[in-house]
Amino acid sequence: MEEITSPQNPLIKLVRSLDHRKHREKRGLFVAEGLDYARKAMAHGFEPHLLLTNAETAAYHTIPDLIDWCLKQRARVLTISAVLMQRISGLNNPQDLLLVCHTKWQRDPAAFHARRTVLALHGIRDPGNLGTIMRTAEAAGVSRILLIDDCCDPYGPEAVRASAGSVFAVEITRIASDAFLDLAAGWAGDVVGTHLAATESFRQPYRRPVLLLMGSESSGLSPELARACSKLVHIPMAKGVESLNVATATALMLYELELPDL
């Protein structure tokens, strides 16, 4: 088992650099901390690049399955000190295991047509919201997500943590708004958007498959995207409340669409 002792080691510098989106996108790598996250990455066919464990807890003795997976995929497996783990961790209480993984993007939006519900997000800026949405999507049985134009990075540290590992269970496609409009125009079922000016309730039957479109935290759907919807619906709120958090609104919509009996 290799061991890293110096904070100047290139692999330590690599892990720290992945805090920044430009480095994640340049290298196609991201960081996930914790045993449960690593096992979920393995279960969903992600490609490992580097596995670091805390040498002082001998955590590597308890993960032979993960070590075998990494070695078969030609990923490096190393131990580091607790001090170094603290230095590179994004957590106040670092885990004993840190995985660097290759990002994974679904390239063909046409493959989404076969699903009961596909979730499309436009202009989501808060990584905590995006991570929560991914977590809710997995819980509701929705595994396909489209990110339209300039959403925040689903593989950023805050989004990965907020997803509680669901980032590994959903297939994500980045798509430009023009390409999304083409997709929506040929969609076989309903294209559904939430809108403050809508008069129809979100509680209603929908034509399958459903393409659910949720807008940004600050401004909701743009007029162009709203026009692409076959149905615009609203979620009732008490008087004086202007809007719901986008992650909360998405959760209500997904559970209405996928799990109406719960």
C-alpha atoms as a PDB file:
ATOM      1  CA  MET A   1       0.000   0.000   0.000  1.00  0.00           C
ATOM      2  CA  GLU A   2       1.467   3.342  -1.059  1.00  0.00           C
ATOM      3  CA  GLU A   3       1.600   6.115   1.510  1.00  0.00           C
ATOM      4  CA  ILE A   4       1.663   9.888   1.026  1.00  0.00           C
ATOM      5  CA  THR A   5       3.274  11.959   3.759  1.00  0.00           C
ATOM      6  CA  SER A   6       3.928  15.328   2.130  1.00  0.00           C
ATOM      7  CA  PRO A   7       1.323  18.051   1.514  1.00  0.00           C
ATOM      8  CA  GLN A   8       3.372  18.946  -1.579  1.00  0.00           C
ATOM      9  CA  ASN A   9       2.691  15.575  -3.183  1.00  0.00           C
ATOM     10  CA  PRO A  10       1.143  16.075  -6.655  1.00  0.00           C
ATOM     11  CA  LEU A  11      -1.824  13.864  -5.766  1.00  0.00           C
ATOM     12  CA  ILE A  12      -2.630  15.993  -2.727  1.00  0.00           C
ATOM     13  CA  LYS A  13      -2.440  19.080  -4.932  1.00  0.00           C
ATOM     14  CA  LEU A  14      -4.726  17.367  -7.434  1.00  0.00           C
ATOM     15  CA  VAL A  15      -7.392  16.682  -4.810  1.00  0.00           C
ATOM     16  CA  ARG A  16      -7.276  20.253  -3.558  1.00  0.00           C
ATOM     17  CA  SER A  17      -7.488  21.658  -7.088  1.00  0.00           C
ATOM     18  CA  LEU A  18     -10.785  19.827  -7.638  1.00  0.00           C
ATOM     19  CA  ASP A  19     -12.504  22.296  -5.311  1.00  0.00           C
ATOM     20  CA  HIS A  20     -12.577  24.545  -8.379  1.00  0.00           C
ATOM     21  CA  ARG A  21     -14.915  23.969 -11.310  1.00  0.00           C
ATOM     22  CA  LYS A  22     -12.356  24.847 -13.976  1.00  0.00           C
ATOM     23  CA  HIS A  23     -10.031  22.097 -12.743  1.00  0.00           C
ATOM     24  CA  ARG A  24     -12.870  19.561 -12.472  1.00  0.00           C
ATOM     25  CA  GLU A  25     -13.926  20.286 -16.032  1.00  0.00           C
ATOM     26  CA  LYS A  26     -10.366  20.289 -17.371  1.00  0.00           C
ATOM     27  CA  ARG A  27      -9.519  16.933 -15.790  1.00  0.00           C
ATOM     28  CA  GLY A  28     -12.963  15.325 -15.812  1.00  0.00           C
ATOM     29  CA  LEU A  29     -12.565  14.417 -12.133  1.00  0.00           C
ATOM     30  CA  PHE A  30     -14.397  15.134  -8.876  1.00  0.00           C
ATOM     31  CA  VAL A  31     -14.152  14.242  -5.193  1.00  0.00           C
ATOM     32  CA  ALA A  32     -16.537  12.228  -3.006  1.00  0.00           C
ATOM     33  CA  GLU A  33     -15.857  11.630   0.673  1.00  0.00           C
ATOM     34  CA  GLY A  34     -17.008   8.647   2.683  1.00  0.00           C
ATOM     35  CA  LEU A  35     -17.478   4.897   2.408  1.00  0.00           C
ATOM     36  CA  ASP A  36     -21.148   5.033   1.381  1.00  0.00           C
ATOM     37  CA  TYR A  37     -20.366   7.411  -1.488  1.00  0.00           C
ATOM     38  CA  ALA A  38     -17.520   5.215  -2.735  1.00  0.00           C
ATOM     39  CA  ARG A  39     -19.673   2.091  -2.680  1.00  0.00           C
ATOM     40  CA  LYS A  40     -22.436   3.921  -4.551  1.00  0.00           C
ATOM     41  CA  ALA A  41     -19.927   5.039  -7.184  1.00  0.00           C
ATOM     42  CA  MET A  42     -18.847   1.427  -7.609  1.00  0.00           C
ATOM     43  CA  ALA A  43     -22.443   0.156  -7.787  1.00  0.00           C
ATOM     44  CA  HIS A  44     -23.384   2.640 -10.528  1.00  0.00           C
ATOM     45  CA  GLY A  45     -20.426   2.043 -12.799  1.00  0.00           C
ATOM     46  CA  PHE A  46     -18.332   5.144 -12.192  1.00  0.00           C
ATOM     47  CA  GLU A  47     -14.641   5.018 -13.003  1.00  0.00           C
ATOM     48  CA  PRO A  48     -12.308   5.597 -10.029  1.00  0.00           C
ATOM     49  CA  HIS A  49      -9.099   7.566 -10.396  1.00  0.00           C
ATOM     50  CA  LEU A  50      -7.697   7.646  -6.868  1.00  0.00           C
ATOM     51  CA  LEU A  51      -8.663   6.223  -3.469  1.00  0.00           C
ATOM     52  CA  LEU A  52      -7.172   7.735  -0.305  1.00  0.00           C
ATOM     53  CA  THR A  53      -7.647   6.251   3.154  1.00  0.00           C
ATOM     54  CA  ASN A  54      -6.613   7.373   6.617  1.00  0.00           C
ATOM     55  CA  ALA A  55      -3.461   5.444   7.547  1.00  0.00           C
ATOM     56  CA  GLU A  56      -4.037   5.984  11.268  1.00  0.00           C
ATOM     57  CA  THR A  57      -7.388   4.181  11.297  1.00  0.00           C
ATOM     58  CA  ALA A  58      -6.300   1.391   8.933  1.00  0.00           C
ATOM     59  CA  ALA A  59      -9.597   1.909   7.111  1.00  0.00           C
ATOM     60  CA  TYR A  60      -8.221   0.100   4.064  1.00  0.00           C
ATOM     61  CA  HIS A  61      -8.470  -3.217   5.954  1.00  0.00           C
ATOM     62  CA  THR A  62     -12.282  -2.961   5.893  1.00  0.00           C
ATOM     63  CA  ILE A  63     -12.738  -2.173   2.186  1.00  0.00           C
ATOM     64  CA  PRO A  64     -11.242  -5.025   0.141  1.00  0.00           C
ATOM     65  CA  ASP A  65     -14.114  -4.734  -2.358  1.00  0.00           C
ATOM     66  CA  LEU A  66     -13.343  -1.072  -3.040  1.00  0.00           C
ATOM     67  CA  ILE A  67      -9.620  -1.705  -3.279  1.00  0.00           C
ATOM     68  CA  ASP A  68     -10.169  -4.554  -5.758  1.00  0.00           C
ATOM     69  CA  TRP A  69     -12.504  -2.332  -7.801  1.00  0.00           C
ATOM     70  CA  CYS A  70      -9.955   0.481  -7.917  1.00  0.00           C
ATOM     71  CA  LEU A  71      -7.037  -1.757  -8.807  1.00  0.00           C
ATOM     72  CA  LYS A  72      -9.002  -3.497 -11.583  1.00  0.00           C
ATOM     73  CA  GLN A  73      -9.822  -0.050 -12.988  1.00  0.00           C
ATOM     74  CA  ARG A  74      -6.128   0.948 -12.751  1.00  0.00           C
ATOM     75  CA  ALA A  75      -6.831   3.559 -10.091  1.00  0.00           C
ATOM     76  CA  ARG A  76      -4.237   4.216  -7.410  1.00  0.00           C
ATOM     77  CA  VAL A  77      -4.916   3.281  -3.787  1.00  0.00           C
ATOM     78  CA  LEU A  78      -2.941   5.119  -1.112  1.00  0.00           C
ATOM     79  CA  THR A  79      -2.935   5.936   2.574  1.00  0.00           C
ATOM     80  CA  ILE A  80      -2.414   9.382   4.081  1.00  0.00           C
ATOM     81  CA  SER A  81      -2.149  10.756   7.599  1.00  0.00           C
ATOM     82  CA  ALA A  82      -5.125  12.165   9.499  1.00  0.00           C
ATOM     83  CA  VAL A  83      -3.482  15.588   9.262  1.00  0.00           C
ATOM     84  CA  LEU A  84      -3.358  15.414   5.480  1.00  0.00           C
ATOM     85  CA  MET A  85      -6.915  14.101   5.310  1.00  0.00           C
ATOM     86  CA  GLN A  86      -8.027  17.084   7.375  1.00  0.00           C
ATOM     87  CA  ARG A  87      -6.145  19.374   5.022  1.00  0.00           C
ATOM     88  CA  ILE A  88      -7.815  18.148   1.840  1.00  0.00           C
ATOM     89  CA  SER A  89     -11.251  17.327   3.220  1.00  0.00           C
ATOM     90  CA  GLY A  90     -14.201  19.630   2.709  1.00  0.00           C
ATOM     91  CA  LEU A  91     -15.772  18.448   5.969  1.00  0.00           C
ATOM     92  CA  ASN A  92     -15.374  19.664   9.534  1.00  0.00           C
ATOM     93  CA  ASN A  93     -15.073  16.023  10.606  1.00  0.00           C
ATOM     94  CA  PRO A  94     -13.261  14.291   7.741  1.00  0.00           C
ATOM     95  CA  GLN A  95     -14.173  10.794   6.675  1.00  0.00           C
ATOM     96  CA  ASP A  96     -11.554   8.035   6.669  1.00  0.00           C
ATOM     97  CA  LEU A  97     -11.894   7.589   2.918  1.00  0.00           C
ATOM     98  CA  LEU A  98     -11.769   9.944  -0.046  1.00  0.00           C
ATOM     99  CA  LEU A  99     -12.486   8.929  -3.636  1.00  0.00           C
ATOM    100  CA  VAL A 100     -11.495  10.834  -6.761  1.00  0.00           C
ATOM    101  CA  CYS A 101     -13.755   9.726  -9.610  1.00  0.00           C
ATOM    102  CA  HIS A 102     -14.217  10.472 -13.281  1.00  0.00           C
ATOM    103  CA  THR A 103     -17.293  12.521 -14.104  1.00  0.00           C
ATOM    104  CA  LYS A 104     -19.970  10.756 -16.106  1.00  0.00           C
ATOM    105  CA  TRP A 105     -22.325  12.516 -18.545  1.00  0.00           C
ATOM    106  CA  GLN A 106     -25.175  11.049 -20.556  1.00  0.00           C
ATOM    107  CA  ARG A 107     -24.480  12.361 -24.067  1.00  0.00           C
ATOM    108  CA  ASP A 108     -27.690  11.435 -25.886  1.00  0.00           C
ATOM    109  CA  PRO A 109     -30.816  13.320 -24.765  1.00  0.00           C
ATOM    110  CA  ALA A 110     -32.942  11.227 -27.123  1.00  0.00           C
ATOM    111  CA  ALA A 111     -32.438   8.267 -24.758  1.00  0.00           C
ATOM    112  CA  PHE A 112     -34.596  10.072 -22.207  1.00  0.00           C
ATOM    113  CA  HIS A 113     -37.825   9.516 -24.162  1.00  0.00           C
ATOM    114  CA  ALA A 114     -38.284   6.016 -22.745  1.00  0.00           C
ATOM    115  CA  ARG A 115     -38.662   7.195 -19.140  1.00  0.00           C
ATOM    116  CA  ARG A 116     -41.921   7.930 -17.300  1.00  0.00           C
ATOM    117  CA  THR A 117     -40.529  11.217 -15.997  1.00  0.00           C
ATOM    118  CA  VAL A 118     -37.485  13.219 -17.018  1.00  0.00           C
ATOM    119  CA  LEU A 119     -36.448  16.266 -15.015  1.00  0.00           C
ATOM    120  CA  ALA A 120     -35.060  19.360 -16.747  1.00  0.00           C
ATOM    121  CA  LEU A 121     -33.491  22.208 -14.743  1.00  0.00           C
ATOM    122  CA  HIS A 122     -32.738  25.682 -16.026  1.00  0.00           C
ATOM    123  CA  GLY A 123     -30.462  28.225 -14.379  1.00  0.00           C
ATOM    124  CA  ILE A 124     -30.005  26.442 -11.050  1.00  0.00           C
ATOM    125  CA  ARG A 125     -27.202  28.385  -9.343  1.00  0.00           C
ATOM    126  CA  ASP A 126     -27.168  27.005  -5.812  1.00  0.00           C
ATOM    127  CA  PRO A 127     -25.227  23.711  -5.562  1.00  0.00           C
ATOM    128  CA  GLY A 128     -27.055  22.852  -2.345  1.00  0.00           C
ATOM    129  CA  ASN A 129     -30.367  23.061  -4.203  1.00  0.00           C
ATOM    130  CA  LEU A 130     -29.035  20.992  -7.086  1.00  0.00           C
ATOM    131  CA  GLY A 131     -27.717  18.313  -4.740  1.00  0.00           C
ATOM    132  CA  THR A 132     -31.021  18.184  -2.867  1.00  0.00           C
ATOM    133  CA  ILE A 133     -32.899  17.869  -6.160  1.00  0.00           C
ATOM    134  CA  MET A 134     -30.700  14.936  -7.217  1.00  0.00           C
ATOM    135  CA  ARG A 135     -31.329  13.264  -3.859  1.00  0.00           C
ATOM    136  CA  THR A 136     -35.089  13.771  -4.175  1.00  0.00           C
ATOM    137  CA  ALA A 137     -35.101  12.563  -7.780  1.00  0.00           C
ATOM    138  CA  GLU A 138     -33.498   9.268  -6.797  1.00  0.00           C
ATOM    139  CA  ALA A 139     -35.936   8.854  -3.905  1.00  0.00           C
ATOM    140  CA  ALA A 140     -38.878   9.442  -6.261  1.00  0.00           C
ATOM    141  CA  GLY A 141     -37.588   6.979  -8.837  1.00  0.00           C
ATOM    142  CA  VAL A 142     -36.509   9.596 -11.395  1.00  0.00           C
ATOM    143  CA  SER A 143     -33.073   8.838 -12.799  1.00  0.00           C
ATOM    144  CA  ARG A 144     -32.688  11.244 -15.751  1.00  0.00           C
ATOM    145  CA  ILE A 145     -31.822  14.940 -15.342  1.00  0.00           C
ATOM    146  CA  LEU A 146     -31.180  17.570 -18.016  1.00  0.00           C
ATOM    147  CA  LEU A 147     -29.205  20.690 -17.083  1.00  0.00           C
ATOM    148  CA  ILE A 148     -30.112  23.501 -19.477  1.00  0.00           C
ATOM    149  CA  ASP A 149     -27.503  26.156 -20.242  1.00  0.00           C
ATOM    150  CA  ASP A 150     -25.462  27.438 -17.306  1.00  0.00           C
ATOM    151  CA  CYS A 151     -26.510  25.472 -14.242  1.00  0.00           C
ATOM    152  CA  CYS A 152     -24.059  24.959 -11.396  1.00  0.00           C
ATOM    153  CA  ASP A 153     -21.836  21.890 -11.467  1.00  0.00           C
ATOM    154  CA  PRO A 154     -23.463  18.684 -10.136  1.00  0.00           C
ATOM    155  CA  TYR A 155     -19.963  17.363  -9.420  1.00  0.00           C
ATOM    156  CA  GLY A 156     -18.946  20.276  -7.202  1.00  0.00           C
ATOM    157  CA  PRO A 157     -18.238  19.430  -3.538  1.00  0.00           C
ATOM    158  CA  GLU A 158     -21.369  21.079  -2.111  1.00  0.00           C
ATOM    159  CA  ALA A 159     -23.672  19.516  -4.705  1.00  0.00           C
ATOM    160  CA  VAL A 160     -22.139  16.058  -4.181  1.00  0.00           C
ATOM    161  CA  ARG A 161     -22.565  16.318  -0.404  1.00  0.00           C
ATOM    162  CA  ALA A 162     -26.125  17.664  -0.662  1.00  0.00           C
ATOM    163  CA  SER A 163     -27.016  14.796  -3.000  1.00  0.00           C
ATOM    164  CA  ALA A 164     -26.040  12.279  -0.268  1.00  0.00           C
ATOM    165  CA  GLY A 165     -24.546  10.129  -3.015  1.00  0.00           C
ATOM    166  CA  SER A 166     -27.482  10.405  -5.428  1.00  0.00           C
ATOM    167  CA  VAL A 167     -25.169  12.103  -7.927  1.00  0.00           C
ATOM    168  CA  PHE A 168     -23.992   8.559  -8.688  1.00  0.00           C
ATOM    169  CA  ALA A 169     -27.531   7.216  -9.231  1.00  0.00           C
ATOM    170  CA  VAL A 170     -28.884   9.762 -11.732  1.00  0.00           C
ATOM    171  CA  GLU A 171     -27.892  10.191 -15.375  1.00  0.00           C
ATOM    172  CA  ILE A 172     -27.126  13.823 -16.169  1.00  0.00           C
ATOM    173  CA  THR A 173     -27.017  15.563 -19.527  1.00  0.00           C
ATOM    174  CA  ARG A 174     -25.902  19.122 -20.229  1.00  0.00           C
ATOM    175  CA  ILE A 175     -27.961  20.678 -22.995  1.00  0.00           C
ATOM    176  CA  ALA A 176     -28.255  24.103 -24.613  1.00  0.00           C
ATOM    177  CA  SER A 177     -31.644  25.825 -24.525  1.00  0.00           C
ATOM    178  CA  ASP A 178     -32.063  25.565 -28.324  1.00  0.00           C
ATOM    179  CA  ALA A 179     -31.492  21.807 -28.205  1.00  0.00           C
ATOM    180  CA  PHE A 180     -33.885  21.524 -25.268  1.00  0.00           C
ATOM    181  CA  LEU A 181     -36.585  23.405 -27.179  1.00  0.00           C
ATOM    182  CA  ASP A 182     -36.176  20.942 -30.053  1.00  0.00           C
ATOM    183  CA  LEU A 183     -36.453  18.043 -27.604  1.00  0.00           C
ATOM    184  CA  ALA A 184     -39.576  19.526 -25.995  1.00  0.00           C
ATOM    185  CA  ALA A 185     -41.210  20.152 -29.376  1.00  0.00           C
ATOM    186  CA  GLY A 186     -41.006  16.448 -30.215  1.00  0.00           C
ATOM    187  CA  TRP A 187     -41.860  15.142 -26.737  1.00  0.00           C
ATOM    188  CA  ALA A 188     -44.507  12.392 -26.795  1.00  0.00           C
ATOM    189  CA  GLY A 189     -46.165  13.282 -23.484  1.00  0.00           C
ATOM    190  CA  ASP A 190     -46.672  16.447 -21.465  1.00  0.00           C
ATOM    191  CA  VAL A 191     -43.970  19.052 -21.029  1.00  0.00           C
ATOM    192  CA  VAL A 192     -44.824  20.479 -17.611  1.00  0.00           C
ATOM    193  CA  GLY A 193     -43.513  23.673 -16.044  1.00  0.00           C
ATOM    194  CA  THR A 194     -44.309  25.377 -12.765  1.00  0.00           C
ATOM    195  CA  HIS A 195     -45.230  29.039 -13.088  1.00  0.00           C
ATOM    196  CA  LEU A 196     -46.563  31.652 -10.647  1.00  0.00           C
ATOM    197  CA  ALA A 197     -49.073  32.892 -13.226  1.00  0.00           C
ATOM    198  CA  ALA A 198     -50.440  29.417 -14.022  1.00  0.00           C
ATOM    199  CA  THR A 199     -54.078  28.687 -13.217  1.00  0.00           C
ATOM    200  CA  GLU A 200     -53.976  24.886 -13.271  1.00  0.00           C
ATOM    201  CA  SER A 201     -53.092  22.965 -10.103  1.00  0.00           C
ATOM    202  CA  PHE A 202     -50.072  20.671 -10.083  1.00  0.00           C
ATOM    203  CA  ARG A 203     -52.354  17.909  -8.786  1.00  0.00           C
ATOM    204  CA  GLN A 204     -53.805  16.482 -11.990  1.00  0.00           C
ATOM    205  CA  PRO A 205     -53.306  13.609 -14.453  1.00  0.00           C
ATOM    206  CA  TYR A 206     -50.502  13.957 -16.987  1.00  0.00           C
ATOM    207  CA  ARG A 207     -49.709  12.318 -20.327  1.00  0.00           C
ATOM    208  CA  ARG A 208     -46.712  10.016 -20.100  1.00  0.00           C
ATOM    209  CA  PRO A 209     -43.827  10.344 -20.463  1.00  0.00           C
ATOM    210  CA  VAL A 210     -43.582  13.668 -18.615  1.00  0.00           C
ATOM    211  CA  LEU A 211     -40.799  16.167 -19.192  1.00  0.00           C
ATOM    212  CA  LEU A 212     -40.794  18.275 -16.017  1.00  0.00           C
ATOM    213  CA  LEU A 213     -39.163  21.682 -16.380  1.00  0.00           C
ATOM    214  CA  MET A 214     -38.108  23.688 -13.324  1.00  0.00           C
ATOM    215  CA  GLY A 215     -36.686  27.209 -13.504  1.00  0.00           C
ATOM    216  CA  SER A 216     -34.068  29.155 -11.619  1.00  0.00           C
ATOM    217  CA  GLU A 217     -34.261  30.078  -7.936  1.00  0.00           C
ATOM    218  CA  SER A 218     -34.563  33.799  -8.632  1.00  0.00           C
ATOM    219  CA  SER A 219     -36.705  34.162 -11.754  1.00  0.00           C
ATOM    220  CA  GLY A 220     -38.353  30.828 -12.524  1.00  0.00           C
ATOM    221  CA  LEU A 221     -38.923  29.882 -16.172  1.00  0.00           C
ATOM    222  CA  SER A 222     -38.004  32.254 -18.955  1.00  0.00           C
ATOM    223  CA  PRO A 223     -40.869  33.213 -21.313  1.00  0.00           C
ATOM    224  CA  GLU A 224     -39.309  31.108 -24.073  1.00  0.00           C
ATOM    225  CA  LEU A 225     -39.141  27.994 -21.911  1.00  0.00           C
ATOM    226  CA  ALA A 226     -42.627  28.595 -20.533  1.00  0.00           C
ATOM    227  CA  ARG A 227     -43.991  28.641 -24.092  1.00  0.00           C
ATOM    228  CA  ALA A 228     -42.368  25.247 -24.706  1.00  0.00           C
ATOM    229  CA  CYS A 229     -44.572  23.659 -22.017  1.00  0.00           C
ATOM    230  CA  SER A 230     -47.811  21.902 -22.895  1.00  0.00           C
ATOM    231  CA  LYS A 231     -48.957  22.540 -19.321  1.00  0.00           C
ATOM    232  CA  LEU A 232     -48.077  25.278 -16.853  1.00  0.00           C
ATOM    233  CA  VAL A 233     -49.114  24.507 -13.284  1.00  0.00           C
ATOM    234  CA  HIS A 234     -48.899  26.155  -9.893  1.00  0.00           C
ATOM    235  CA  ILE A 235     -48.335  24.851  -6.371  1.00  0.00           C
ATOM    236  CA  PRO A 236     -50.785  26.494  -3.929  1.00  0.00           C
ATOM    237  CA  MET A 237     -49.233  28.619  -1.186  1.00  0.00           C
ATOM    238  CA  ALA A 238     -50.576  30.569   1.753  1.00  0.00           C
ATOM    239  CA  LYS A 239     -51.397  34.233   1.226  1.00  0.00           C
ATOM    240  CA  GLY A 240     -48.343  36.458   1.373  1.00  0.00           C
ATOM    241  CA  VAL A 241     -45.867  33.758   0.318  1.00  0.00           C
ATOM    242  CA  GLU A 242     -44.266  34.662  -3.008  1.00  0.00           C
ATOM    243  CA  SER A 243     -42.543  31.425  -3.962  1.00  0.00           C
ATOM    244  CA  LEU A 244     -41.138  28.085  -2.848  1.00  0.00           C
ATOM    245  CA  ASN A 245     -37.499  27.079  -2.787  1.00  0.00           C
ATOM    246  CA  VAL A 246     -36.804  25.341  -6.112  1.00  0.00           C
ATOM    247  CA  ALA A 247     -35.688  22.132  -4.409  1.00  0.00           C
ATOM    248  CA  THR A 248     -38.930  22.011  -2.401  1.00  0.00           C
ATOM    249  CA  ALA A 249     -41.080  22.767  -5.447  1.00  0.00           C
ATOM    250  CA  THR A 250     -39.272  20.086  -7.447  1.00  0.00           C
ATOM    251  CA  ALA A 251     -39.819  17.551  -4.663  1.00  0.00           C
ATOM    252  CA  LEU A 252     -43.574  18.234  -4.650  1.00  0.00           C
ATOM    253  CA  MET A 253     -43.776  17.879  -8.421  1.00  0.00           C
ATOM    254  CA  LEU A 254     -41.717  14.674  -8.556  1.00  0.00           C
ATOM    255  CA  TYR A 255     -43.752  12.983  -5.867  1.00  0.00           C
ATOM    256  CA  GLU A 256     -46.978  14.020  -7.562  1.00  0.00           C
ATOM    257  CA  LEU A 257     -45.739  12.593 -10.859  1.00  0.00           C
ATOM    258  CA  GLU A 258     -44.037   9.404  -9.699  1.00  0.00           C
ATOM    259  CA  LEU A 259     -45.357   8.379  -6.292  1.00  0.00           C
ATOM    260  CA  PRO A 260     -48.929   9.673  -5.964  1.00  0.00           C
ATOM    261  CA  ASP A 261     -49.979   7.012  -3.446  1.00  0.00           C
ATOM    262  CA  LEU A 262     -47.445   7.935  -0.764  1.00  0.00           C
END
